Full PDB file with SEQRES, HELIX, SHEET, SSBOND, CRYST1, ORIGX, SCALE, CONECT and MASTER records, all heavy atoms in Angstrom:
SEQRES   1 A   32  TYR CYS TYR ALA ASP ASN PRO ALA LEU LYS GLY TYR ARG          
SEQRES   2 A   32  LYS LEU VAL LYS ARG PHE GLY GLY ARG GLU SER ALA TYR          
SEQRES   3 A   32  LEU ARG GLN VAL SER LYS                                      
HELIX    1 AA1 LEU A    9  PHE A   19  1                                  11    
CRYST1    1.000    1.000    1.000  90.00  90.00  90.00 P 1           1          
ORIGX1      1.000000  0.000000  0.000000        0.00000                         
ORIGX2      0.000000  1.000000  0.000000        0.00000                         
ORIGX3      0.000000  0.000000  1.000000        0.00000                         
SCALE1      1.000000  0.000000  0.000000        0.00000                         
SCALE2      0.000000  1.000000  0.000000        0.00000                         
SCALE3      0.000000  0.000000  1.000000        0.00000                         
ATOM      1  N   TYR A   1      -2.006   5.722  -3.154  1.00  0.00           N  
ATOM      2  CA  TYR A   1      -1.479   4.550  -3.848  1.00  0.00           C  
ATOM      3  C   TYR A   1      -0.074   4.258  -3.332  1.00  0.00           C  
ATOM      4  O   TYR A   1       0.641   5.157  -2.915  1.00  0.00           O  
ATOM      5  CB  TYR A   1      -1.316   4.833  -5.350  1.00  0.00           C  
ATOM      6  CG  TYR A   1      -2.595   4.979  -6.115  1.00  0.00           C  
ATOM      7  CD1 TYR A   1      -3.316   6.165  -6.101  1.00  0.00           C  
ATOM      8  CD2 TYR A   1      -3.064   3.930  -6.897  1.00  0.00           C  
ATOM      9  CE1 TYR A   1      -4.473   6.310  -6.828  1.00  0.00           C  
ATOM     10  CE2 TYR A   1      -4.227   4.071  -7.638  1.00  0.00           C  
ATOM     11  CZ  TYR A   1      -4.928   5.260  -7.597  1.00  0.00           C  
ATOM     12  OH  TYR A   1      -6.078   5.389  -8.323  1.00  0.00           O  
ATOM     13  N   CYS A   2       0.317   2.998  -3.424  1.00  0.00           N  
ATOM     14  CA  CYS A   2       1.695   2.607  -3.138  1.00  0.00           C  
ATOM     15  C   CYS A   2       2.048   1.479  -4.091  1.00  0.00           C  
ATOM     16  O   CYS A   2       1.252   0.558  -4.290  1.00  0.00           O  
ATOM     17  CB  CYS A   2       1.827   2.132  -1.694  1.00  0.00           C  
ATOM     18  SG  CYS A   2       3.484   1.525  -1.275  1.00  0.00           S  
ATOM     19  N   TYR A   3       3.209   1.553  -4.697  1.00  0.00           N  
ATOM     20  CA  TYR A   3       3.648   0.458  -5.562  1.00  0.00           C  
ATOM     21  C   TYR A   3       3.943  -0.763  -4.707  1.00  0.00           C  
ATOM     22  O   TYR A   3       4.516  -0.654  -3.623  1.00  0.00           O  
ATOM     23  CB  TYR A   3       4.860   0.877  -6.398  1.00  0.00           C  
ATOM     24  CG  TYR A   3       4.476   1.947  -7.382  1.00  0.00           C  
ATOM     25  CD1 TYR A   3       4.874   3.259  -7.206  1.00  0.00           C  
ATOM     26  CD2 TYR A   3       3.669   1.643  -8.468  1.00  0.00           C  
ATOM     27  CE1 TYR A   3       4.481   4.251  -8.084  1.00  0.00           C  
ATOM     28  CE2 TYR A   3       3.263   2.626  -9.352  1.00  0.00           C  
ATOM     29  CZ  TYR A   3       3.676   3.931  -9.159  1.00  0.00           C  
ATOM     30  OH  TYR A   3       3.273   4.901 -10.026  1.00  0.00           O  
ATOM     31  N   ALA A   4       3.544  -1.920  -5.201  1.00  0.00           N  
ATOM     32  CA  ALA A   4       3.621  -3.161  -4.422  1.00  0.00           C  
ATOM     33  C   ALA A   4       5.046  -3.554  -4.059  1.00  0.00           C  
ATOM     34  O   ALA A   4       5.254  -4.256  -3.069  1.00  0.00           O  
ATOM     35  CB  ALA A   4       2.932  -4.294  -5.184  1.00  0.00           C  
ATOM     36  N   ASP A   5       6.032  -3.099  -4.822  1.00  0.00           N  
ATOM     37  CA  ASP A   5       7.416  -3.443  -4.506  1.00  0.00           C  
ATOM     38  C   ASP A   5       8.189  -2.270  -3.895  1.00  0.00           C  
ATOM     39  O   ASP A   5       9.407  -2.308  -3.783  1.00  0.00           O  
ATOM     40  CB  ASP A   5       8.144  -4.001  -5.734  1.00  0.00           C  
ATOM     41  CG  ASP A   5       8.016  -3.112  -6.952  1.00  0.00           C  
ATOM     42  OD1 ASP A   5       7.170  -2.200  -6.954  1.00  0.00           O  
ATOM     43  OD2 ASP A   5       8.754  -3.338  -7.927  1.00  0.00           O  
ATOM     44  N   ASN A   6       7.472  -1.245  -3.465  1.00  0.00           N  
ATOM     45  CA  ASN A   6       8.074  -0.101  -2.795  1.00  0.00           C  
ATOM     46  C   ASN A   6       8.609  -0.555  -1.430  1.00  0.00           C  
ATOM     47  O   ASN A   6       7.873  -1.165  -0.649  1.00  0.00           O  
ATOM     48  CB  ASN A   6       7.019   0.993  -2.606  1.00  0.00           C  
ATOM     49  CG  ASN A   6       7.554   2.269  -2.020  1.00  0.00           C  
ATOM     50  OD1 ASN A   6       8.579   2.287  -1.365  1.00  0.00           O  
ATOM     51  ND2 ASN A   6       6.840   3.344  -2.244  1.00  0.00           N  
ATOM     52  N   PRO A   7       9.871  -0.273  -1.128  1.00  0.00           N  
ATOM     53  CA  PRO A   7      10.404  -0.648   0.182  1.00  0.00           C  
ATOM     54  C   PRO A   7       9.628  -0.029   1.348  1.00  0.00           C  
ATOM     55  O   PRO A   7       9.674  -0.547   2.460  1.00  0.00           O  
ATOM     56  CB  PRO A   7      11.840  -0.117   0.156  1.00  0.00           C  
ATOM     57  CG  PRO A   7      12.180   0.016  -1.278  1.00  0.00           C  
ATOM     58  CD  PRO A   7      10.891   0.334  -1.990  1.00  0.00           C  
ATOM     59  N   ALA A   8       8.889   1.039   1.103  1.00  0.00           N  
ATOM     60  CA  ALA A   8       8.116   1.695   2.162  1.00  0.00           C  
ATOM     61  C   ALA A   8       6.764   1.031   2.406  1.00  0.00           C  
ATOM     62  O   ALA A   8       6.022   1.451   3.296  1.00  0.00           O  
ATOM     63  CB  ALA A   8       7.909   3.171   1.810  1.00  0.00           C  
ATOM     64  N   LEU A   9       6.435  -0.016   1.655  1.00  0.00           N  
ATOM     65  CA  LEU A   9       5.121  -0.658   1.768  1.00  0.00           C  
ATOM     66  C   LEU A   9       4.822  -1.116   3.197  1.00  0.00           C  
ATOM     67  O   LEU A   9       3.709  -0.919   3.692  1.00  0.00           O  
ATOM     68  CB  LEU A   9       5.028  -1.844   0.794  1.00  0.00           C  
ATOM     69  CG  LEU A   9       3.717  -2.623   0.822  1.00  0.00           C  
ATOM     70  CD1 LEU A   9       2.538  -1.725   0.459  1.00  0.00           C  
ATOM     71  CD2 LEU A   9       3.796  -3.810  -0.125  1.00  0.00           C  
ATOM     72  N   LYS A  10       5.805  -1.693   3.858  1.00  0.00           N  
ATOM     73  CA  LYS A  10       5.599  -2.160   5.239  1.00  0.00           C  
ATOM     74  C   LYS A  10       5.179  -0.987   6.141  1.00  0.00           C  
ATOM     75  O   LYS A  10       4.282  -1.107   6.963  1.00  0.00           O  
ATOM     76  CB  LYS A  10       6.881  -2.812   5.753  1.00  0.00           C  
ATOM     77  CG  LYS A  10       6.760  -3.407   7.132  1.00  0.00           C  
ATOM     78  CD  LYS A  10       8.071  -4.083   7.537  1.00  0.00           C  
ATOM     79  CE  LYS A  10       8.003  -4.591   8.960  1.00  0.00           C  
ATOM     80  NZ  LYS A  10       9.271  -5.204   9.364  1.00  0.00           N  
ATOM     81  N   GLY A  11       5.826   0.153   5.967  1.00  0.00           N  
ATOM     82  CA  GLY A  11       5.483   1.342   6.749  1.00  0.00           C  
ATOM     83  C   GLY A  11       4.082   1.844   6.443  1.00  0.00           C  
ATOM     84  O   GLY A  11       3.349   2.264   7.339  1.00  0.00           O  
ATOM     85  N   TYR A  12       3.691   1.804   5.165  1.00  0.00           N  
ATOM     86  CA  TYR A  12       2.330   2.214   4.783  1.00  0.00           C  
ATOM     87  C   TYR A  12       1.298   1.291   5.422  1.00  0.00           C  
ATOM     88  O   TYR A  12       0.252   1.738   5.884  1.00  0.00           O  
ATOM     89  CB  TYR A  12       2.159   2.196   3.268  1.00  0.00           C  
ATOM     90  CG  TYR A  12       2.774   3.371   2.551  1.00  0.00           C  
ATOM     91  CD1 TYR A  12       3.742   3.183   1.571  1.00  0.00           C  
ATOM     92  CD2 TYR A  12       2.377   4.665   2.832  1.00  0.00           C  
ATOM     93  CE1 TYR A  12       4.292   4.261   0.897  1.00  0.00           C  
ATOM     94  CE2 TYR A  12       2.922   5.744   2.168  1.00  0.00           C  
ATOM     95  CZ  TYR A  12       3.880   5.537   1.203  1.00  0.00           C  
ATOM     96  OH  TYR A  12       4.428   6.595   0.548  1.00  0.00           O  
ATOM     97  N   ARG A  13       1.599   0.003   5.434  1.00  0.00           N  
ATOM     98  CA  ARG A  13       0.658  -0.945   6.050  1.00  0.00           C  
ATOM     99  C   ARG A  13       0.518  -0.681   7.548  1.00  0.00           C  
ATOM    100  O   ARG A  13      -0.588  -0.758   8.098  1.00  0.00           O  
ATOM    101  CB  ARG A  13       1.115  -2.382   5.790  1.00  0.00           C  
ATOM    102  CG  ARG A  13       0.830  -2.807   4.361  1.00  0.00           C  
ATOM    103  CD  ARG A  13       1.175  -4.255   4.106  1.00  0.00           C  
ATOM    104  NE  ARG A  13       0.571  -4.669   2.853  1.00  0.00           N  
ATOM    105  CZ  ARG A  13       1.176  -5.445   1.964  1.00  0.00           C  
ATOM    106  NH1 ARG A  13       2.403  -5.894   2.185  1.00  0.00           N  
ATOM    107  NH2 ARG A  13       0.555  -5.776   0.849  1.00  0.00           N  
ATOM    108  N   LYS A  14       1.613  -0.350   8.213  1.00  0.00           N  
ATOM    109  CA  LYS A  14       1.553  -0.012   9.640  1.00  0.00           C  
ATOM    110  C   LYS A  14       0.741   1.263   9.849  1.00  0.00           C  
ATOM    111  O   LYS A  14      -0.060   1.357  10.778  1.00  0.00           O  
ATOM    112  CB  LYS A  14       2.967   0.192  10.194  1.00  0.00           C  
ATOM    113  CG  LYS A  14       3.737  -1.063  10.453  1.00  0.00           C  
ATOM    114  CD  LYS A  14       5.166  -0.685  10.801  1.00  0.00           C  
ATOM    115  CE  LYS A  14       5.624  -1.316  12.058  1.00  0.00           C  
ATOM    116  NZ  LYS A  14       7.046  -1.008  12.340  1.00  0.00           N  
ATOM    117  N   LEU A  15       0.971   2.235   8.975  1.00  0.00           N  
ATOM    118  CA  LEU A  15       0.273   3.522   9.085  1.00  0.00           C  
ATOM    119  C   LEU A  15      -1.233   3.346   8.931  1.00  0.00           C  
ATOM    120  O   LEU A  15      -2.015   3.858   9.734  1.00  0.00           O  
ATOM    121  CB  LEU A  15       0.817   4.485   8.025  1.00  0.00           C  
ATOM    122  CG  LEU A  15       0.281   5.900   8.042  1.00  0.00           C  
ATOM    123  CD1 LEU A  15       0.704   6.626   9.318  1.00  0.00           C  
ATOM    124  CD2 LEU A  15       0.790   6.669   6.825  1.00  0.00           C  
ATOM    125  N   VAL A  16      -1.646   2.631   7.901  1.00  0.00           N  
ATOM    126  CA  VAL A  16      -3.076   2.458   7.660  1.00  0.00           C  
ATOM    127  C   VAL A  16      -3.720   1.644   8.790  1.00  0.00           C  
ATOM    128  O   VAL A  16      -4.844   1.924   9.213  1.00  0.00           O  
ATOM    129  CB  VAL A  16      -3.350   1.864   6.257  1.00  0.00           C  
ATOM    130  CG1 VAL A  16      -3.117   0.380   6.207  1.00  0.00           C  
ATOM    131  CG2 VAL A  16      -4.735   2.212   5.769  1.00  0.00           C  
ATOM    132  N   LYS A  17      -2.994   0.663   9.323  1.00  0.00           N  
ATOM    133  CA  LYS A  17      -3.511  -0.136  10.437  1.00  0.00           C  
ATOM    134  C   LYS A  17      -3.665   0.733  11.688  1.00  0.00           C  
ATOM    135  O   LYS A  17      -4.645   0.612  12.424  1.00  0.00           O  
ATOM    136  CB  LYS A  17      -2.568  -1.311  10.712  1.00  0.00           C  
ATOM    137  CG  LYS A  17      -3.060  -2.239  11.778  1.00  0.00           C  
ATOM    138  CD  LYS A  17      -2.115  -3.413  11.962  1.00  0.00           C  
ATOM    139  CE  LYS A  17      -2.628  -4.335  13.053  1.00  0.00           C  
ATOM    140  NZ  LYS A  17      -1.728  -5.465  13.277  1.00  0.00           N  
ATOM    141  N   ARG A  18      -2.700   1.612  11.911  1.00  0.00           N  
ATOM    142  CA  ARG A  18      -2.730   2.505  13.079  1.00  0.00           C  
ATOM    143  C   ARG A  18      -4.009   3.334  13.123  1.00  0.00           C  
ATOM    144  O   ARG A  18      -4.553   3.619  14.181  1.00  0.00           O  
ATOM    145  CB  ARG A  18      -1.509   3.421  13.032  1.00  0.00           C  
ATOM    146  CG  ARG A  18      -1.479   4.457  14.110  1.00  0.00           C  
ATOM    147  CD  ARG A  18      -0.269   5.334  13.980  1.00  0.00           C  
ATOM    148  NE  ARG A  18      -0.123   6.166  15.140  1.00  0.00           N  
ATOM    149  CZ  ARG A  18       1.008   6.669  15.542  1.00  0.00           C  
ATOM    150  NH1 ARG A  18       2.125   6.430  14.894  1.00  0.00           N  
ATOM    151  NH2 ARG A  18       1.051   7.439  16.602  1.00  0.00           N  
ATOM    152  N   PHE A  19      -4.496   3.739  11.939  1.00  0.00           N  
ATOM    153  CA  PHE A  19      -5.684   4.582  11.872  1.00  0.00           C  
ATOM    154  C   PHE A  19      -6.971   3.800  11.621  1.00  0.00           C  
ATOM    155  O   PHE A  19      -8.042   4.388  11.524  1.00  0.00           O  
ATOM    156  CB  PHE A  19      -5.515   5.641  10.772  1.00  0.00           C  
ATOM    157  CG  PHE A  19      -4.617   6.770  11.185  1.00  0.00           C  
ATOM    158  CD1 PHE A  19      -3.299   6.800  10.772  1.00  0.00           C  
ATOM    159  CD2 PHE A  19      -5.086   7.800  11.991  1.00  0.00           C  
ATOM    160  CE1 PHE A  19      -2.464   7.837  11.144  1.00  0.00           C  
ATOM    161  CE2 PHE A  19      -4.260   8.835  12.374  1.00  0.00           C  
ATOM    162  CZ  PHE A  19      -2.945   8.857  11.951  1.00  0.00           C  
ATOM    163  N   GLY A  20      -6.883   2.473  11.465  1.00  0.00           N  
ATOM    164  CA  GLY A  20      -8.083   1.664  11.249  1.00  0.00           C  
ATOM    165  C   GLY A  20      -8.499   1.590   9.788  1.00  0.00           C  
ATOM    166  O   GLY A  20      -9.622   1.196   9.483  1.00  0.00           O  
ATOM    167  N   GLY A  21      -7.606   1.953   8.881  1.00  0.00           N  
ATOM    168  CA  GLY A  21      -7.916   1.916   7.456  1.00  0.00           C  
ATOM    169  C   GLY A  21      -7.676   0.538   6.865  1.00  0.00           C  
ATOM    170  O   GLY A  21      -7.544  -0.452   7.593  1.00  0.00           O  
ATOM    171  N   ARG A  22      -7.607   0.482   5.526  1.00  0.00           N  
ATOM    172  CA  ARG A  22      -7.438  -0.812   4.877  1.00  0.00           C  
ATOM    173  C   ARG A  22      -6.824  -0.666   3.492  1.00  0.00           C  
ATOM    174  O   ARG A  22      -6.787   0.431   2.934  1.00  0.00           O  
ATOM    175  CB  ARG A  22      -8.766  -1.536   4.767  1.00  0.00           C  
ATOM    176  CG  ARG A  22      -9.742  -0.831   3.831  1.00  0.00           C  
ATOM    177  CD  ARG A  22     -11.121  -1.472   3.892  1.00  0.00           C  
ATOM    178  NE  ARG A  22     -11.985  -0.871   2.903  1.00  0.00           N  
ATOM    179  CZ  ARG A  22     -12.333  -1.453   1.767  1.00  0.00           C  
ATOM    180  NH1 ARG A  22     -11.916  -2.659   1.479  1.00  0.00           N  
ATOM    181  NH2 ARG A  22     -13.132  -0.852   0.919  1.00  0.00           N  
ATOM    182  N   GLU A  23      -6.382  -1.777   2.968  1.00  0.00           N  
ATOM    183  CA  GLU A  23      -5.990  -1.861   1.567  1.00  0.00           C  
ATOM    184  C   GLU A  23      -7.280  -2.119   0.799  1.00  0.00           C  
ATOM    185  O   GLU A  23      -7.941  -3.118   1.020  1.00  0.00           O  
ATOM    186  CB  GLU A  23      -4.998  -3.006   1.344  1.00  0.00           C  
ATOM    187  CG  GLU A  23      -3.673  -2.790   2.025  1.00  0.00           C  
ATOM    188  CD  GLU A  23      -2.690  -3.931   1.818  1.00  0.00           C  
ATOM    189  OE1 GLU A  23      -2.740  -4.597   0.757  1.00  0.00           O  
ATOM    190  OE2 GLU A  23      -1.864  -4.146   2.717  1.00  0.00           O  
ATOM    191  N   SER A  24      -7.650  -1.219  -0.092  1.00  0.00           N  
ATOM    192  CA  SER A  24      -8.951  -1.351  -0.749  1.00  0.00           C  
ATOM    193  C   SER A  24      -8.875  -1.893  -2.170  1.00  0.00           C  
ATOM    194  O   SER A  24      -9.893  -2.294  -2.716  1.00  0.00           O  
ATOM    195  CB  SER A  24      -9.685  -0.007  -0.749  1.00  0.00           C  
ATOM    196  OG  SER A  24      -8.923   0.964  -1.417  1.00  0.00           O  
ATOM    197  N   ALA A  25      -7.685  -1.914  -2.774  1.00  0.00           N  
ATOM    198  CA  ALA A  25      -7.576  -2.456  -4.132  1.00  0.00           C  
ATOM    199  C   ALA A  25      -6.135  -2.828  -4.442  1.00  0.00           C  
ATOM    200  O   ALA A  25      -5.198  -2.246  -3.892  1.00  0.00           O  
ATOM    201  CB  ALA A  25      -8.078  -1.436  -5.148  1.00  0.00           C  
ATOM    202  N   TYR A  26      -6.004  -3.783  -5.333  1.00  0.00           N  
ATOM    203  CA  TYR A  26      -4.697  -4.176  -5.845  1.00  0.00           C  
ATOM    204  C   TYR A  26      -4.792  -4.086  -7.362  1.00  0.00           C  
ATOM    205  O   TYR A  26      -5.611  -4.776  -7.986  1.00  0.00           O  
ATOM    206  CB  TYR A  26      -4.352  -5.608  -5.410  1.00  0.00           C  
ATOM    207  CG  TYR A  26      -2.911  -5.983  -5.679  1.00  0.00           C  
ATOM    208  CD1 TYR A  26      -1.954  -5.879  -4.684  1.00  0.00           C  
ATOM    209  CD2 TYR A  26      -2.508  -6.423  -6.940  1.00  0.00           C  
ATOM    210  CE1 TYR A  26      -0.623  -6.211  -4.917  1.00  0.00           C  
ATOM    211  CE2 TYR A  26      -1.181  -6.749  -7.188  1.00  0.00           C  
ATOM    212  CZ  TYR A  26      -0.251  -6.648  -6.177  1.00  0.00           C  
ATOM    213  OH  TYR A  26       1.061  -6.964  -6.422  1.00  0.00           O  
ATOM    214  N   LEU A  27      -4.019  -3.197  -7.944  1.00  0.00           N  
ATOM    215  CA  LEU A  27      -4.059  -2.963  -9.392  1.00  0.00           C  
ATOM    216  C   LEU A  27      -2.795  -3.548 -10.013  1.00  0.00           C  
ATOM    217  O   LEU A  27      -1.685  -3.236  -9.578  1.00  0.00           O  
ATOM    218  CB  LEU A  27      -4.150  -1.468  -9.682  1.00  0.00           C  
ATOM    219  CG  LEU A  27      -5.271  -0.733  -8.946  1.00  0.00           C  
ATOM    220  CD1 LEU A  27      -5.141   0.761  -9.149  1.00  0.00           C  
ATOM    221  CD2 LEU A  27      -6.624  -1.218  -9.415  1.00  0.00           C  
ATOM    222  N   ARG A  28      -2.961  -4.349 -11.037  1.00  0.00           N  
ATOM    223  CA  ARG A  28      -1.821  -5.044 -11.630  1.00  0.00           C  
ATOM    224  C   ARG A  28      -1.260  -4.283 -12.826  1.00  0.00           C  
ATOM    225  O   ARG A  28      -2.004  -3.807 -13.675  1.00  0.00           O  
ATOM    226  CB  ARG A  28      -2.252  -6.444 -12.041  1.00  0.00           C  
ATOM    227  CG  ARG A  28      -2.660  -7.261 -10.806  1.00  0.00           C  
ATOM    228  CD  ARG A  28      -3.169  -8.625 -11.129  1.00  0.00           C  
ATOM    229  NE  ARG A  28      -2.190  -9.361 -11.912  1.00  0.00           N  
ATOM    230  CZ  ARG A  28      -2.521 -10.265 -12.820  1.00  0.00           C  
ATOM    231  NH1 ARG A  28      -3.774 -10.543 -13.059  1.00  0.00           N  
ATOM    232  NH2 ARG A  28      -1.572 -10.904 -13.482  1.00  0.00           N  
ATOM    233  N   GLN A  29       0.053  -4.183 -12.865  1.00  0.00           N  
ATOM    234  CA  GLN A  29       0.809  -3.616 -13.978  1.00  0.00           C  
ATOM    235  C   GLN A  29       0.233  -2.270 -14.448  1.00  0.00           C  
ATOM    236  O   GLN A  29      -0.093  -2.088 -15.610  1.00  0.00           O  
ATOM    237  CB  GLN A  29       0.863  -4.610 -15.137  1.00  0.00           C  
ATOM    238  CG  GLN A  29       1.536  -5.903 -14.754  1.00  0.00           C  
ATOM    239  CD  GLN A  29       1.586  -6.911 -15.893  1.00  0.00           C  
ATOM    240  OE1 GLN A  29       1.154  -6.645 -17.001  1.00  0.00           O  
ATOM    241  NE2 GLN A  29       2.128  -8.068 -15.600  1.00  0.00           N  
ATOM    242  N   VAL A  30       0.174  -1.312 -13.534  1.00  0.00           N  
ATOM    243  CA  VAL A  30      -0.460  -0.029 -13.837  1.00  0.00           C  
ATOM    244  C   VAL A  30       0.493   1.097 -14.218  1.00  0.00           C  
ATOM    245  O   VAL A  30       0.073   2.069 -14.834  1.00  0.00           O  
ATOM    246  CB  VAL A  30      -1.360   0.456 -12.672  1.00  0.00           C  
ATOM    247  CG1 VAL A  30      -2.535  -0.455 -12.492  1.00  0.00           C  
ATOM    248  CG2 VAL A  30      -0.577   0.587 -11.383  1.00  0.00           C  
ATOM    249  N   SER A  31       1.761   0.993 -13.831  1.00  0.00           N  
ATOM    250  CA  SER A  31       2.691   2.094 -14.105  1.00  0.00           C  
ATOM    251  C   SER A  31       4.063   1.583 -14.505  1.00  0.00           C  
ATOM    252  O   SER A  31       4.612   0.685 -13.874  1.00  0.00           O  
ATOM    253  CB  SER A  31       2.860   2.981 -12.869  1.00  0.00           C  
ATOM    254  OG  SER A  31       1.693   3.695 -12.597  1.00  0.00           O  
ATOM    255  N   LYS A  32       4.601   2.232 -15.521  1.00  0.00           N  
ATOM    256  CA  LYS A  32       5.979   1.965 -15.916  1.00  0.00           C  
ATOM    257  C   LYS A  32       6.844   3.010 -15.226  1.00  0.00           C  
ATOM    258  O   LYS A  32       6.642   4.211 -15.398  1.00  0.00           O  
ATOM    259  CB  LYS A  32       6.113   2.078 -17.427  1.00  0.00           C  
ATOM    260  CG  LYS A  32       7.487   1.745 -17.949  1.00  0.00           C  
ATOM    261  CD  LYS A  32       7.399   1.663 -19.455  1.00  0.00           C  
ATOM    262  CE  LYS A  32       8.675   1.969 -20.137  1.00  0.00           C  
ATOM    263  NZ  LYS A  32       8.516   1.942 -21.587  1.00  0.00           N  
TER     264      LYS A  32                                                      
MASTER        0    0    0    1    0    0    0    6  263    1    0    3          
END                                                                             
């Protein structure tokens, strides 16, 4: 999981793309 406003999100997207993976779900308002 990665929080949508995490500054590291761009890096996670690069990482998953590098390995051929994907974003499989977007969960709204799940954690305080």
